Amino acid sequence: MKHTPTTIHTADGSQVTIRRRGIEFDLETRNARGETISTVVMDSADMVRLMEEMRRAA
């Protein structure tokens, strides 16, 4: 099954892209100039916790 990356564009022009990589996820942040600021690798359990925290914060 092919997984399509999801990109969220922020108010300041930055981007957060989430890609599934097998059983893990890559989260890549880019600034408004398109430069990669960070890449984080998370397992599925960490991704679920992150999503839950984001819902609580919203």
C-alpha atoms as a PDB file:
ATOM      1  CA  MET A   1       0.000   0.000   0.000  1.00  0.00           C
ATOM      2  CA  LYS A   2       1.389   3.403  -1.000  1.00  0.00           C
ATOM      3  CA  HIS A   3       1.184   6.165   1.583  1.00  0.00           C
ATOM      4  CA  THR A   4       0.989   9.774   0.456  1.00  0.00           C
ATOM      5  CA  PRO A   5       2.888  12.332   2.563  1.00  0.00           C
ATOM      6  CA  THR A   6       0.813  14.948   4.370  1.00  0.00           C
ATOM      7  CA  THR A   7       2.094  18.532   4.463  1.00  0.00           C
ATOM      8  CA  ILE A   8       0.750  21.198   6.805  1.00  0.00           C
ATOM      9  CA  HIS A   9       1.485  24.824   5.887  1.00  0.00           C
ATOM     10  CA  THR A  10       1.795  27.202   8.821  1.00  0.00           C
ATOM     11  CA  ALA A  11       0.891  30.881   9.110  1.00  0.00           C
ATOM     12  CA  ASP A  12       4.540  31.968   8.845  1.00  0.00           C
ATOM     13  CA  GLY A  13       5.143  30.004   5.640  1.00  0.00           C
ATOM     14  CA  SER A  14       6.822  27.022   7.276  1.00  0.00           C
ATOM     15  CA  GLN A  15       5.835  23.434   6.534  1.00  0.00           C
ATOM     16  CA  VAL A  16       5.579  20.187   8.461  1.00  0.00           C
ATOM     17  CA  THR A  17       5.531  17.040   6.329  1.00  0.00           C
ATOM     18  CA  ILE A  18       4.607  13.626   7.711  1.00  0.00           C
ATOM     19  CA  ARG A  19       5.631  10.517   5.764  1.00  0.00           C
ATOM     20  CA  ARG A  20       4.994   6.903   6.664  1.00  0.00           C
ATOM     21  CA  ARG A  21       8.158   4.850   6.368  1.00  0.00           C
ATOM     22  CA  GLY A  22       7.196   1.216   6.895  1.00  0.00           C
ATOM     23  CA  ILE A  23       6.263   0.969  10.573  1.00  0.00           C
ATOM     24  CA  GLU A  24       7.775   4.382  11.365  1.00  0.00           C
ATOM     25  CA  PHE A  25       6.983   7.992  10.505  1.00  0.00           C
ATOM     26  CA  ASP A  26       9.269  10.824   9.390  1.00  0.00           C
ATOM     27  CA  LEU A  27       8.307  14.358  10.447  1.00  0.00           C
ATOM     28  CA  GLU A  28      10.204  16.993   8.489  1.00  0.00           C
ATOM     29  CA  THR A  29      10.000  20.709   9.263  1.00  0.00           C
ATOM     30  CA  ARG A  30      10.988  23.353   6.722  1.00  0.00           C
ATOM     31  CA  ASN A  31      11.215  27.091   7.146  1.00  0.00           C
ATOM     32  CA  ALA A  32       9.546  29.585   4.798  1.00  0.00           C
ATOM     33  CA  ARG A  33      12.605  29.453   2.484  1.00  0.00           C
ATOM     34  CA  GLY A  34      12.131  25.688   2.083  1.00  0.00           C
ATOM     35  CA  GLU A  35      15.208  24.748   4.100  1.00  0.00           C
ATOM     36  CA  THR A  36      14.899  21.609   6.215  1.00  0.00           C
ATOM     37  CA  ILE A  37      15.126  22.571   9.874  1.00  0.00           C
ATOM     38  CA  SER A  38      14.669  19.132  11.413  1.00  0.00           C
ATOM     39  CA  THR A  39      13.685  15.563  10.697  1.00  0.00           C
ATOM     40  CA  VAL A  40      12.304  13.325  13.440  1.00  0.00           C
ATOM     41  CA  VAL A  41      11.687   9.590  13.162  1.00  0.00           C
ATOM     42  CA  MET A  42       8.831   8.257  15.308  1.00  0.00           C
ATOM     43  CA  ASP A  43       7.268   4.848  15.773  1.00  0.00           C
ATOM     44  CA  SER A  44       3.495   4.389  15.553  1.00  0.00           C
ATOM     45  CA  ALA A  45       2.953   4.666  19.314  1.00  0.00           C
ATOM     46  CA  ASP A  46       4.819   7.994  19.453  1.00  0.00           C
ATOM     47  CA  MET A  47       2.812   9.279  16.477  1.00  0.00           C
ATOM     48  CA  VAL A  48      -0.463   8.392  18.202  1.00  0.00           C
ATOM     49  CA  ARG A  49       0.675  10.235  21.358  1.00  0.00           C
ATOM     50  CA  LEU A  50       1.718  13.269  19.309  1.00  0.00           C
ATOM     51  CA  MET A  51      -1.665  13.396  17.559  1.00  0.00           C
ATOM     52  CA  GLU A  52      -3.500  13.111  20.895  1.00  0.00           C
ATOM     53  CA  GLU A  53      -1.458  15.969  22.352  1.00  0.00           C
ATOM     54  CA  MET A  54      -2.101  18.111  19.274  1.00  0.00           C
ATOM     55  CA  ARG A  55      -5.869  17.561  19.634  1.00  0.00           C
ATOM     56  CA  ARG A  56      -5.704  18.576  23.314  1.00  0.00           C
ATOM     57  CA  ALA A  57      -3.714  21.690  22.475  1.00  0.00           C
ATOM     58  CA  ALA A  58      -6.095  22.818  19.698  1.00  0.00           C
END
